[in-house]
Amino acid sequence: MILPGILPFVRELVDRCLKEGDIAIDATAGNGIDTLYLANKVGTSGKVYSFDIQKAAIENTSARLKDHQLENRVSLILDSHENAASYIIDEEHSLLKAAVFNLGYLPSGDKTITTKGDSTVQAVSNLIQIMPSRSMIILVIYHGHEEGKKEKQTIETFAKQLKQTSVQVLRYEFINQINNPPFIIAIEKK
């Protein structure tokens, strides 16, 4: 396929804005797949902050990082992504180039524990305030479940009202697929 799928396109976007020595956020650690990718991208001189509200997700991510000997590049934080910006010290703001959100619930986990629109919007809003120009926030929105539908609406409403003088907002989706396929909202800070 010529058009990249959703998750490969996330990586393309990350590759455009993140380099060795930068700082990244995985706002939803999950099973650690994005955290691992980000840890490889930031290299030995960079850092990743990885958040989740579920202990199992932090443990899964920790195990994945240890398997690849990258645990020293990542701070695993058992907290909501809503608070992510407060963990980034002022001196690191200029290096914070990417934040990735894979919304929904933990794969193979409790499907009643999901990300929520209000906390996600608060997280994104806080990050926009501290991230430098030419940085990006990438949200993968899974809306095939009830809470996901609500979160989708909340995020879309928020993203549409962002000022075009300070950010660009992209929506990337396959519109002819069935079963509520995930899509991306990417926010690039100007």
C-alpha atoms as a PDB file:
ATOM      1  CA  MET A   1       0.000   0.000   0.000  1.00  0.00           C
ATOM      2  CA  ILE A   2       1.322   3.442  -0.889  1.00  0.00           C
ATOM      3  CA  LEU A   3      -0.627   5.290   1.805  1.00  0.00           C
ATOM      4  CA  PRO A   4       0.872   4.536   5.211  1.00  0.00           C
ATOM      5  CA  GLY A   5      -1.414   2.967   7.793  1.00  0.00           C
ATOM      6  CA  ILE A   6      -2.275   4.865  10.950  1.00  0.00           C
ATOM      7  CA  LEU A   7       0.543   3.601  13.171  1.00  0.00           C
ATOM      8  CA  PRO A   8       3.243   3.792  10.465  1.00  0.00           C
ATOM      9  CA  PHE A   9       2.133   7.377   9.783  1.00  0.00           C
ATOM     10  CA  VAL A  10       2.531   8.185  13.488  1.00  0.00           C
ATOM     11  CA  ARG A  11       6.144   7.034  13.189  1.00  0.00           C
ATOM     12  CA  GLU A  12       6.670   9.121  10.053  1.00  0.00           C
ATOM     13  CA  LEU A  13       5.489  12.190  11.940  1.00  0.00           C
ATOM     14  CA  VAL A  14       7.702  11.363  14.927  1.00  0.00           C
ATOM     15  CA  ASP A  15      10.670  10.893  12.602  1.00  0.00           C
ATOM     16  CA  ARG A  16      10.123  14.396  11.188  1.00  0.00           C
ATOM     17  CA  CYS A  17      10.290  16.189  14.524  1.00  0.00           C
ATOM     18  CA  LEU A  18      12.370  14.040  16.900  1.00  0.00           C
ATOM     19  CA  LYS A  19      16.131  13.543  16.833  1.00  0.00           C
ATOM     20  CA  GLU A  20      18.984  12.413  19.057  1.00  0.00           C
ATOM     21  CA  GLY A  21      19.127  14.460  22.248  1.00  0.00           C
ATOM     22  CA  ASP A  22      15.487  15.549  22.186  1.00  0.00           C
ATOM     23  CA  ILE A  23      12.799  14.865  24.767  1.00  0.00           C
ATOM     24  CA  ALA A  24       9.557  13.026  24.001  1.00  0.00           C
ATOM     25  CA  ILE A  25       6.419  12.056  25.864  1.00  0.00           C
ATOM     26  CA  ASP A  26       4.491   8.833  25.530  1.00  0.00           C
ATOM     27  CA  ALA A  27       1.258   9.988  27.122  1.00  0.00           C
ATOM     28  CA  THR A  28      -0.232   6.477  27.192  1.00  0.00           C
ATOM     29  CA  ALA A  29       2.464   3.889  27.942  1.00  0.00           C
ATOM     30  CA  GLY A  30       0.222   0.876  27.357  1.00  0.00           C
ATOM     31  CA  ASN A  31       2.445  -2.055  26.424  1.00  0.00           C
ATOM     32  CA  GLY A  32       5.470   0.141  25.753  1.00  0.00           C
ATOM     33  CA  ILE A  33       5.604  -0.037  21.972  1.00  0.00           C
ATOM     34  CA  ASP A  34       5.581   3.737  21.434  1.00  0.00           C
ATOM     35  CA  THR A  35       7.858   4.302  24.433  1.00  0.00           C
ATOM     36  CA  LEU A  36      10.415   1.908  22.945  1.00  0.00           C
ATOM     37  CA  TYR A  37      10.255   3.635  19.558  1.00  0.00           C
ATOM     38  CA  LEU A  38      10.670   7.066  21.140  1.00  0.00           C
ATOM     39  CA  ALA A  39      13.570   5.844  23.320  1.00  0.00           C
ATOM     40  CA  ASN A  40      15.394   4.652  20.222  1.00  0.00           C
ATOM     41  CA  LYS A  41      14.778   7.985  18.469  1.00  0.00           C
ATOM     42  CA  VAL A  42      16.048  10.237  21.293  1.00  0.00           C
ATOM     43  CA  GLY A  43      19.273   8.250  21.590  1.00  0.00           C
ATOM     44  CA  THR A  44      21.662   8.156  24.509  1.00  0.00           C
ATOM     45  CA  SER A  45      21.511  11.904  25.113  1.00  0.00           C
ATOM     46  CA  GLY A  46      17.720  12.249  24.973  1.00  0.00           C
ATOM     47  CA  LYS A  47      14.910  11.320  27.310  1.00  0.00           C
ATOM     48  CA  VAL A  48      11.369   9.955  27.215  1.00  0.00           C
ATOM     49  CA  TYR A  49       8.681  10.529  29.817  1.00  0.00           C
ATOM     50  CA  SER A  50       6.134   7.712  29.673  1.00  0.00           C
ATOM     51  CA  PHE A  51       2.806   7.997  31.514  1.00  0.00           C
ATOM     52  CA  ASP A  52      -0.013   5.662  32.396  1.00  0.00           C
ATOM     53  CA  ILE A  53      -2.609   5.432  35.147  1.00  0.00           C
ATOM     54  CA  GLN A  54      -2.399   1.637  35.260  1.00  0.00           C
ATOM     55  CA  LYS A  55       0.388  -0.124  37.110  1.00  0.00           C
ATOM     56  CA  ALA A  56       0.207  -3.045  34.657  1.00  0.00           C
ATOM     57  CA  ALA A  57       0.968  -0.686  31.761  1.00  0.00           C
ATOM     58  CA  ILE A  58       4.003   0.746  33.547  1.00  0.00           C
ATOM     59  CA  GLU A  59       5.216  -2.790  34.321  1.00  0.00           C
ATOM     60  CA  ASN A  60       4.669  -3.918  30.698  1.00  0.00           C
ATOM     61  CA  THR A  61       6.577  -0.909  29.420  1.00  0.00           C
ATOM     62  CA  SER A  62       9.393  -1.407  31.915  1.00  0.00           C
ATOM     63  CA  ALA A  63       9.821  -5.040  30.850  1.00  0.00           C
ATOM     64  CA  ARG A  64       9.899  -4.088  27.155  1.00  0.00           C
ATOM     65  CA  LEU A  65      12.533  -1.409  27.789  1.00  0.00           C
ATOM     66  CA  LYS A  66      14.690  -3.802  29.842  1.00  0.00           C
ATOM     67  CA  ASP A  67      14.503  -6.387  27.049  1.00  0.00           C
ATOM     68  CA  HIS A  68      16.070  -3.762  24.760  1.00  0.00           C
ATOM     69  CA  GLN A  69      18.388  -2.253  27.410  1.00  0.00           C
ATOM     70  CA  LEU A  70      16.804   1.187  27.049  1.00  0.00           C
ATOM     71  CA  GLU A  71      15.342   1.687  30.520  1.00  0.00           C
ATOM     72  CA  ASN A  72      17.944   4.375  31.343  1.00  0.00           C
ATOM     73  CA  ARG A  73      16.479   6.681  28.645  1.00  0.00           C
ATOM     74  CA  VAL A  74      12.941   6.623  30.057  1.00  0.00           C
ATOM     75  CA  SER A  75      11.163   7.928  33.141  1.00  0.00           C
ATOM     76  CA  LEU A  76       8.105   5.758  33.764  1.00  0.00           C
ATOM     77  CA  ILE A  77       5.424   7.706  35.605  1.00  0.00           C
ATOM     78  CA  LEU A  78       2.288   6.250  37.179  1.00  0.00           C
ATOM     79  CA  ASP A  79       0.081   9.291  36.678  1.00  0.00           C
ATOM     80  CA  SER A  80      -2.447  10.724  34.243  1.00  0.00           C
ATOM     81  CA  HIS A  81      -1.163  12.338  31.069  1.00  0.00           C
ATOM     82  CA  GLU A  82      -3.219  15.315  32.217  1.00  0.00           C
ATOM     83  CA  ASN A  83      -0.275  16.091  34.524  1.00  0.00           C
ATOM     84  CA  ALA A  84       2.497  15.390  31.999  1.00  0.00           C
ATOM     85  CA  ALA A  85       3.556  19.010  31.492  1.00  0.00           C
ATOM     86  CA  SER A  86       4.238  19.422  35.211  1.00  0.00           C
ATOM     87  CA  TYR A  87       6.969  16.749  35.047  1.00  0.00           C
ATOM     88  CA  ILE A  88       8.970  18.600  32.390  1.00  0.00           C
ATOM     89  CA  ILE A  89      11.334  21.091  34.018  1.00  0.00           C
ATOM     90  CA  ASP A  90      11.724  24.539  32.461  1.00  0.00           C
ATOM     91  CA  GLU A  91      15.199  23.754  31.093  1.00  0.00           C
ATOM     92  CA  GLU A  92      13.730  20.835  29.106  1.00  0.00           C
ATOM     93  CA  HIS A  93      10.885  22.725  27.413  1.00  0.00           C
ATOM     94  CA  SER A  94      12.969  23.689  24.371  1.00  0.00           C
ATOM     95  CA  LEU A  95      13.919  20.031  23.807  1.00  0.00           C
ATOM     96  CA  LEU A  96      10.384  18.613  24.084  1.00  0.00           C
ATOM     97  CA  LYS A  97       9.709  17.857  20.423  1.00  0.00           C
ATOM     98  CA  ALA A  98       7.064  15.110  20.388  1.00  0.00           C
ATOM     99  CA  ALA A  99       4.168  13.822  22.453  1.00  0.00           C
ATOM    100  CA  VAL A 100       2.286  10.698  21.381  1.00  0.00           C
ATOM    101  CA  PHE A 101      -1.155   9.680  22.648  1.00  0.00           C
ATOM    102  CA  ASN A 102      -2.621   6.269  21.768  1.00  0.00           C
ATOM    103  CA  LEU A 103      -6.070   6.773  23.232  1.00  0.00           C
ATOM    104  CA  GLY A 104      -8.637   4.248  24.386  1.00  0.00           C
ATOM    105  CA  TYR A 105      -7.899   1.332  26.679  1.00  0.00           C
ATOM    106  CA  LEU A 106      -4.927  -0.898  27.432  1.00  0.00           C
ATOM    107  CA  PRO A 107      -4.789  -3.711  24.856  1.00  0.00           C
ATOM    108  CA  SER A 108      -5.584  -6.991  26.632  1.00  0.00           C
ATOM    109  CA  GLY A 109      -6.531  -4.950  29.702  1.00  0.00           C
ATOM    110  CA  ASP A 110      -9.685  -3.828  31.478  1.00  0.00           C
ATOM    111  CA  LYS A 111     -11.790  -2.164  28.784  1.00  0.00           C
ATOM    112  CA  THR A 112     -13.653  -0.119  31.399  1.00  0.00           C
ATOM    113  CA  ILE A 113     -10.463   1.847  32.157  1.00  0.00           C
ATOM    114  CA  THR A 114     -10.123   4.284  29.264  1.00  0.00           C
ATOM    115  CA  THR A 115      -8.673   7.646  28.454  1.00  0.00           C
ATOM    116  CA  LYS A 116     -11.175  10.486  28.798  1.00  0.00           C
ATOM    117  CA  GLY A 117     -11.733  13.476  26.556  1.00  0.00           C
ATOM    118  CA  ASP A 118     -11.494  16.129  29.253  1.00  0.00           C
ATOM    119  CA  SER A 119      -8.177  14.905  30.665  1.00  0.00           C
ATOM    120  CA  THR A 120      -6.748  14.392  27.179  1.00  0.00           C
ATOM    121  CA  VAL A 121      -7.701  17.920  26.114  1.00  0.00           C
ATOM    122  CA  GLN A 122      -6.207  19.301  29.333  1.00  0.00           C
ATOM    123  CA  ALA A 123      -2.984  17.364  28.675  1.00  0.00           C
ATOM    124  CA  VAL A 124      -2.740  18.635  25.102  1.00  0.00           C
ATOM    125  CA  SER A 125      -3.531  22.200  26.128  1.00  0.00           C
ATOM    126  CA  ASN A 126      -0.836  22.115  28.824  1.00  0.00           C
ATOM    127  CA  LEU A 127       1.732  20.662  26.417  1.00  0.00           C
ATOM    128  CA  ILE A 128       1.018  23.260  23.730  1.00  0.00           C
ATOM    129  CA  GLN A 129       1.951  25.901  26.304  1.00  0.00           C
ATOM    130  CA  ILE A 130       5.423  24.473  26.990  1.00  0.00           C
ATOM    131  CA  MET A 131       6.478  22.858  23.711  1.00  0.00           C
ATOM    132  CA  PRO A 132       8.725  24.810  21.326  1.00  0.00           C
ATOM    133  CA  SER A 133       8.096  25.758  17.740  1.00  0.00           C
ATOM    134  CA  ARG A 134       8.326  22.840  15.257  1.00  0.00           C
ATOM    135  CA  SER A 135       7.226  20.296  17.858  1.00  0.00           C
ATOM    136  CA  MET A 136       4.282  17.953  17.475  1.00  0.00           C
ATOM    137  CA  ILE A 137       1.505  16.339  19.492  1.00  0.00           C
ATOM    138  CA  ILE A 138       0.117  13.211  17.840  1.00  0.00           C
ATOM    139  CA  LEU A 139      -3.156  11.650  18.977  1.00  0.00           C
ATOM    140  CA  VAL A 140      -4.393   8.283  17.731  1.00  0.00           C
ATOM    141  CA  ILE A 141      -8.114   8.241  18.430  1.00  0.00           C
ATOM    142  CA  TYR A 142      -9.865   4.904  18.850  1.00  0.00           C
ATOM    143  CA  HIS A 143     -13.595   5.562  18.817  1.00  0.00           C
ATOM    144  CA  GLY A 144     -15.117   2.103  18.432  1.00  0.00           C
ATOM    145  CA  HIS A 145     -16.260   2.019  22.073  1.00  0.00           C
ATOM    146  CA  GLU A 146     -18.652   4.262  23.998  1.00  0.00           C
ATOM    147  CA  GLU A 147     -16.074   6.327  25.906  1.00  0.00           C
ATOM    148  CA  GLY A 148     -14.005   6.592  22.710  1.00  0.00           C
ATOM    149  CA  LYS A 149     -16.936   8.189  20.881  1.00  0.00           C
ATOM    150  CA  LYS A 150     -17.222  10.838  23.612  1.00  0.00           C
ATOM    151  CA  GLU A 151     -13.472  11.421  23.649  1.00  0.00           C
ATOM    152  CA  LYS A 152     -13.426  11.784  19.854  1.00  0.00           C
ATOM    153  CA  GLN A 153     -16.058  14.535  19.983  1.00  0.00           C
ATOM    154  CA  THR A 154     -14.318  16.382  22.809  1.00  0.00           C
ATOM    155  CA  ILE A 155     -10.945  16.317  21.045  1.00  0.00           C
ATOM    156  CA  GLU A 156     -12.378  17.315  17.655  1.00  0.00           C
ATOM    157  CA  THR A 157     -14.194  20.283  19.186  1.00  0.00           C
ATOM    158  CA  PHE A 158     -11.019  21.362  20.986  1.00  0.00           C
ATOM    159  CA  ALA A 159      -8.748  20.909  17.949  1.00  0.00           C
ATOM    160  CA  LYS A 160     -11.021  22.867  15.607  1.00  0.00           C
ATOM    161  CA  GLN A 161     -10.904  25.947  17.833  1.00  0.00           C
ATOM    162  CA  LEU A 162      -7.098  26.078  18.131  1.00  0.00           C
ATOM    163  CA  LYS A 163      -5.696  29.279  16.627  1.00  0.00           C
ATOM    164  CA  GLN A 164      -4.092  28.723  13.233  1.00  0.00           C
ATOM    165  CA  THR A 165      -1.570  31.435  14.022  1.00  0.00           C
ATOM    166  CA  SER A 166       0.024  29.219  16.680  1.00  0.00           C
ATOM    167  CA  VAL A 167      -0.606  25.634  15.529  1.00  0.00           C
ATOM    168  CA  GLN A 168      -1.461  23.579  12.477  1.00  0.00           C
ATOM    169  CA  VAL A 169      -3.913  20.713  12.965  1.00  0.00           C
ATOM    170  CA  LEU A 170      -3.979  17.689  10.672  1.00  0.00           C
ATOM    171  CA  ARG A 171      -6.555  14.904  10.580  1.00  0.00           C
ATOM    172  CA  TYR A 172      -5.415  11.677   8.892  1.00  0.00           C
ATOM    173  CA  GLU A 173      -7.928   8.892   8.396  1.00  0.00           C
ATOM    174  CA  PHE A 174      -9.187   6.256   6.027  1.00  0.00           C
ATOM    175  CA  ILE A 175     -12.791   7.241   5.367  1.00  0.00           C
ATOM    176  CA  ASN A 176     -13.966   4.095   3.563  1.00  0.00           C
ATOM    177  CA  GLN A 177     -13.137   1.563   6.289  1.00  0.00           C
ATOM    178  CA  ILE A 178     -15.768  -0.105   8.444  1.00  0.00           C
ATOM    179  CA  ASN A 179     -15.941  -0.552  12.231  1.00  0.00           C
ATOM    180  CA  ASN A 180     -14.844   2.926  13.333  1.00  0.00           C
ATOM    181  CA  PRO A 181     -11.171   2.752  12.330  1.00  0.00           C
ATOM    182  CA  PRO A 182      -8.735   4.830  14.376  1.00  0.00           C
ATOM    183  CA  PHE A 183      -7.526   8.134  13.006  1.00  0.00           C
ATOM    184  CA  ILE A 184      -4.849  10.690  13.798  1.00  0.00           C
ATOM    185  CA  ILE A 185      -5.056  14.271  14.904  1.00  0.00           C
ATOM    186  CA  ALA A 186      -1.599  15.834  14.754  1.00  0.00           C
ATOM    187  CA  ILE A 187      -0.937  19.280  16.175  1.00  0.00           C
ATOM    188  CA  GLU A 188       2.234  21.035  15.039  1.00  0.00           C
ATOM    189  CA  LYS A 189       3.311  24.076  16.990  1.00  0.00           C
ATOM    190  CA  LYS A 190       4.360  26.954  14.736  1.00  0.00           C
END
